[in-house]
Amino acid sequence: MSRAPATERENHVPVVAPQCRYTRAIPGDGTRHRKELLVANAVDETGPPAPETLIPSQRARRERIVTAALELLKSGEYDKIQMRDIAEEADVALGTVYRYFTSKEHLFAAVLVVWSTSLNQRVQRRPLQGETPVERLEDLMGRVLNAFDRFPQFLRLIIVLETTPDPYARELHAEFSALTGGTFLEPLESLHPDDARDVMDVVKAVLWSSLRSWSQGTISMAQARRRISRVIELIFSPPPIMSPS
């Protein structure tokens, strides 16, 4: 059988969807560096299968992979976890992980959605305490801060995913944002919807800013809590009465 000239063979690149490009560790290279590969058989041109299209056995396998990644993140740092570690924890082949997730960021975006869903379910099981929006919002913010205080690696994951180039990871990150937005609106349901959204936007901005500062070590968690409490107080307090000049 005739073969293409060497230059042709060397220049040939498999035709794959742009989403197939991801960062993957090179087994046995003896370094922690990652190199970009095009893996033609990782996903087809339509991308990874949507969870709702999977048959029960496939869905269970995907959930097992996500659970394995979640448990590894609870006890470690995102940048130290490799896809091979997750495959071993889930007891699946490495290729199986890439069949459902285009990249590490895609997989951990799914982890973030599962984690935030579980936090929301806990709020549903144990309703927010307080008679007023202020009291309920303070209770919710306290729970959110407790969660990140216990698992700061999830905050660092959120920061990583905010700039991910992976379109599937971005889609799941948007789902995470929608989930948290819905949870934050719950204590404000007695307000006009427009007012509730405005309050949520301000509180979320201060919350994420404070958490970032805490993650960077510039403020303590106690200071972050005081910031959130103070901004809630300022939002709901009557405007100050100015003394006549």
Protein backbone atom coordinates (compact mmCIF):
# COMPACT_ATOMS: atom_id res chain seq x y z
CA MET A 1 0.00 0.00 0.00
CA SER A 2 1.44 3.40 -0.96
CA ARG A 3 2.08 5.85 1.86
CA ALA A 4 1.80 9.63 1.83
CA PRO A 5 5.09 11.53 1.71
CA ALA A 6 6.67 12.14 5.11
CA THR A 7 5.97 15.86 5.03
CA GLU A 8 2.29 15.15 4.36
CA ARG A 9 2.10 12.69 7.22
CA GLU A 10 3.86 15.06 9.63
CA ASN A 11 1.59 17.95 8.75
CA HIS A 12 -1.61 15.94 8.98
CA VAL A 13 -3.84 16.91 11.92
CA PRO A 14 -7.01 14.91 12.69
CA VAL A 15 -10.15 16.89 11.99
CA VAL A 16 -11.85 17.36 15.34
CA ALA A 17 -14.13 19.90 16.95
CA PRO A 18 -12.37 22.80 18.73
CA GLN A 19 -13.81 21.51 22.00
CA CYS A 20 -11.52 18.46 21.75
CA ARG A 21 -8.53 20.61 22.68
CA TYR A 22 -7.75 20.20 26.37
CA THR A 23 -4.88 20.03 28.76
CA ARG A 24 -3.75 16.59 29.80
CA ALA A 25 -0.77 15.25 31.73
CA ILE A 26 1.74 13.23 29.75
CA PRO A 27 2.12 9.87 31.56
CA GLY A 28 5.69 9.14 32.57
CA ASP A 29 7.18 12.49 31.59
CA GLY A 30 8.49 12.96 35.13
CA THR A 31 7.25 16.52 35.45
CA ARG A 32 4.16 18.32 36.67
CA HIS A 33 3.92 20.25 33.41
CA ARG A 34 0.91 19.71 31.20
CA LYS A 35 1.00 19.72 27.43
CA GLU A 36 -1.75 20.43 25.01
CA LEU A 37 -2.88 17.46 22.96
CA LEU A 38 -5.46 16.91 20.29
CA VAL A 39 -7.11 13.62 21.12
CA ALA A 40 -9.23 12.73 18.13
CA ASN A 41 -11.14 9.99 19.86
CA ALA A 42 -11.84 11.89 23.10
CA VAL A 43 -15.17 13.28 21.90
CA ASP A 44 -16.78 13.43 18.51
CA GLU A 45 -17.65 16.60 16.65
CA THR A 46 -20.92 16.99 18.55
CA GLY A 47 -19.09 17.11 21.88
CA PRO A 48 -19.66 15.00 25.00
CA PRO A 49 -23.13 13.51 25.56
CA ALA A 50 -25.56 15.61 27.57
CA PRO A 51 -26.42 13.91 30.90
CA GLU A 52 -30.13 13.77 30.06
CA THR A 53 -29.39 11.73 26.91
CA LEU A 54 -27.53 8.98 28.77
CA ILE A 55 -28.98 5.56 29.53
CA PRO A 56 -29.13 4.65 33.27
CA SER A 57 -25.82 2.76 33.31
CA GLN A 58 -24.02 5.61 31.56
CA ARG A 59 -25.59 8.18 33.85
CA ALA A 60 -24.50 6.17 36.89
CA ARG A 61 -20.95 5.97 35.52
CA ARG A 62 -20.85 9.72 34.91
CA GLU A 63 -22.17 10.40 38.41
CA ARG A 64 -19.52 8.09 39.85
CA ILE A 65 -16.82 10.09 38.08
CA VAL A 66 -18.22 13.39 39.39
CA THR A 67 -18.51 11.98 42.92
CA ALA A 68 -14.92 10.74 42.79
CA ALA A 69 -13.72 14.20 41.72
CA LEU A 70 -15.82 15.83 44.44
CA GLU A 71 -14.34 13.63 47.16
CA LEU A 72 -10.79 14.24 45.92
CA LEU A 73 -11.38 17.99 45.95
CA LYS A 74 -12.73 17.88 49.50
CA SER A 75 -9.42 16.46 50.68
CA GLY A 76 -7.02 18.12 48.25
CA GLU A 77 -6.28 21.03 45.95
CA TYR A 78 -7.65 21.40 42.43
CA ASP A 79 -4.29 21.99 40.76
CA LYS A 80 -2.80 18.86 42.34
CA ILE A 81 -5.58 16.51 41.22
CA GLN A 82 -4.98 14.75 37.91
CA MET A 83 -7.58 13.15 35.68
CA ARG A 84 -5.83 9.82 36.19
CA ASP A 85 -6.40 10.15 39.95
CA ILE A 86 -10.11 10.65 39.33
CA ALA A 87 -10.29 7.66 36.99
CA GLU A 88 -8.66 5.47 39.63
CA GLU A 89 -10.97 6.78 42.37
CA ALA A 90 -14.04 6.14 40.18
CA ASP A 91 -12.69 2.75 39.05
CA VAL A 92 -12.99 3.57 35.36
CA ALA A 93 -10.53 3.88 32.49
CA LEU A 94 -9.00 7.29 31.82
CA GLY A 95 -10.58 7.25 28.38
CA THR A 96 -13.99 6.82 30.00
CA VAL A 97 -13.51 10.05 31.95
CA TYR A 98 -12.75 11.91 28.73
CA ARG A 99 -15.77 10.34 27.06
CA TYR A 100 -18.02 12.33 29.40
CA PHE A 101 -15.84 15.40 30.06
CA THR A 102 -13.75 17.32 27.55
CA SER A 103 -11.30 18.64 30.12
CA LYS A 104 -10.48 18.79 33.80
CA GLU A 105 -12.23 22.15 34.02
CA HIS A 106 -15.37 20.67 32.43
CA LEU A 107 -15.41 17.86 35.01
CA PHE A 108 -14.86 20.16 37.98
CA ALA A 109 -17.52 22.56 36.75
CA ALA A 110 -19.90 19.59 37.06
CA VAL A 111 -18.51 19.03 40.56
CA LEU A 112 -19.27 22.65 41.43
CA VAL A 113 -22.88 22.27 40.28
CA VAL A 114 -23.32 19.14 42.41
CA TRP A 115 -21.77 20.84 45.45
CA SER A 116 -23.92 23.97 45.13
CA THR A 117 -27.03 21.83 44.60
CA SER A 118 -26.31 19.98 47.83
CA LEU A 119 -25.94 23.31 49.68
CA ASN A 120 -29.28 24.44 48.27
CA GLN A 121 -30.91 21.18 49.36
CA ARG A 122 -29.59 21.70 52.88
CA VAL A 123 -31.24 25.11 52.94
CA GLN A 124 -34.50 23.46 51.87
CA ARG A 125 -34.22 20.82 54.60
CA ARG A 126 -33.36 23.38 57.27
CA PRO A 127 -35.29 26.55 56.41
CA LEU A 128 -33.65 29.90 56.92
CA GLN A 129 -34.07 31.35 60.39
CA GLY A 130 -35.63 34.75 61.01
CA GLU A 131 -38.85 36.68 60.62
CA THR A 132 -37.52 39.42 58.34
CA PRO A 133 -35.57 39.45 55.07
CA VAL A 134 -32.60 40.87 56.96
CA GLU A 135 -32.53 38.00 59.45
CA ARG A 136 -33.02 35.33 56.79
CA LEU A 137 -30.39 36.86 54.51
CA GLU A 138 -27.88 37.03 57.35
CA ASP A 139 -28.60 33.38 58.17
CA LEU A 140 -28.03 32.37 54.55
CA MET A 141 -24.81 34.35 54.25
CA GLY A 142 -23.59 32.75 57.45
CA ARG A 143 -24.17 29.30 55.96
CA VAL A 144 -22.42 30.23 52.72
CA LEU A 145 -19.39 31.56 54.57
CA ASN A 146 -19.31 28.45 56.77
CA ALA A 147 -19.26 26.25 53.66
CA PHE A 148 -16.31 28.10 52.13
CA ASP A 149 -14.52 28.27 55.47
CA ARG A 150 -14.76 24.49 55.66
CA PHE A 151 -13.85 23.89 52.00
CA PRO A 152 -11.79 26.87 50.74
CA GLN A 153 -10.66 24.82 47.75
CA PHE A 154 -14.15 25.25 46.25
CA LEU A 155 -13.67 29.01 46.23
CA ARG A 156 -10.37 28.61 44.40
CA LEU A 157 -12.14 26.34 41.91
CA ILE A 158 -14.77 29.02 41.24
CA ILE A 159 -12.01 31.53 40.53
CA VAL A 160 -10.35 29.12 38.08
CA LEU A 161 -13.61 28.43 36.25
CA GLU A 162 -14.42 32.12 35.82
CA THR A 163 -11.80 32.31 33.07
CA THR A 164 -12.01 28.82 31.58
CA PRO A 165 -11.87 28.60 27.77
CA ASP A 166 -13.78 25.29 27.78
CA PRO A 167 -17.32 25.99 26.46
CA TYR A 168 -18.82 23.05 28.36
CA ALA A 169 -17.23 24.21 31.61
CA ARG A 170 -18.55 27.73 30.99
CA GLU A 171 -22.04 26.35 30.47
CA LEU A 172 -21.93 24.49 33.78
CA HIS A 173 -20.44 27.52 35.53
CA ALA A 174 -23.44 29.52 34.30
CA GLU A 175 -25.68 26.81 35.78
CA PHE A 176 -23.83 27.16 39.08
CA SER A 177 -24.36 30.94 39.00
CA ALA A 178 -28.07 30.45 38.36
CA LEU A 179 -28.32 28.00 41.25
CA THR A 180 -26.62 30.36 43.69
CA GLY A 181 -28.69 33.28 42.42
CA GLY A 182 -31.90 31.37 43.10
CA THR A 183 -30.71 30.44 46.57
CA PHE A 184 -29.76 34.03 47.38
CA LEU A 185 -33.20 35.27 46.32
CA GLU A 186 -35.02 32.93 48.68
CA PRO A 187 -34.72 35.08 51.84
CA LEU A 188 -35.88 38.10 49.83
CA GLU A 189 -39.10 36.61 48.46
CA SER A 190 -41.23 39.09 50.42
CA LEU A 191 -39.67 42.00 48.50
CA HIS A 192 -40.66 43.24 45.06
CA PRO A 193 -38.79 41.05 42.51
CA ASP A 194 -36.82 44.01 41.13
CA ASP A 195 -35.79 45.11 44.62
CA ALA A 196 -34.87 41.54 45.55
CA ARG A 197 -32.60 41.21 42.51
CA ASP A 198 -30.93 44.55 43.26
CA VAL A 199 -30.28 43.52 46.85
CA MET A 200 -28.94 40.16 45.71
CA ASP A 201 -26.58 41.79 43.21
CA VAL A 202 -25.09 44.08 45.85
CA VAL A 203 -24.77 41.39 48.51
CA LYS A 204 -23.24 38.90 46.06
CA ALA A 205 -20.70 41.49 44.90
CA VAL A 206 -19.58 42.15 48.46
CA LEU A 207 -19.65 38.44 49.29
CA TRP A 208 -17.38 37.40 46.40
CA SER A 209 -15.08 40.37 46.93
CA SER A 210 -14.73 39.50 50.61
CA LEU A 211 -14.17 35.81 49.88
CA ARG A 212 -11.46 36.63 47.35
CA SER A 213 -9.71 38.87 49.88
CA TRP A 214 -9.99 36.12 52.47
CA SER A 215 -8.62 33.54 50.01
CA GLN A 216 -5.64 35.82 49.32
CA GLY A 217 -5.02 36.22 53.05
CA THR A 218 -5.65 39.96 53.16
CA ILE A 219 -8.62 39.70 55.54
CA SER A 220 -9.78 37.13 58.09
CA MET A 221 -13.01 35.18 57.87
CA ALA A 222 -14.28 37.22 60.84
CA GLN A 223 -13.68 40.40 58.84
CA ALA A 224 -15.47 38.91 55.84
CA ARG A 225 -18.46 38.14 58.05
CA ARG A 226 -18.49 41.70 59.39
CA ARG A 227 -18.42 43.13 55.87
CA ILE A 228 -21.42 41.06 54.80
CA SER A 229 -23.36 41.88 57.95
CA ARG A 230 -22.60 45.57 57.56
CA VAL A 231 -23.68 45.77 53.92
CA ILE A 232 -26.97 44.02 54.75
CA GLU A 233 -27.50 46.47 57.60
CA LEU A 234 -26.82 49.45 55.32
CA ILE A 235 -29.18 48.19 52.60
CA PHE A 236 -32.13 47.73 54.91
CA SER A 237 -31.56 50.61 57.32
CA PRO A 238 -33.49 53.85 56.80
CA PRO A 239 -31.41 56.62 55.25
CA PRO A 240 -29.54 58.73 57.79
CA ILE A 241 -31.06 62.02 58.83
CA MET A 242 -28.71 64.82 57.93
CA SER A 243 -28.36 67.56 60.50
CA PRO A 244 -29.06 71.05 59.17
CA SER A 245 -25.93 73.03 58.37
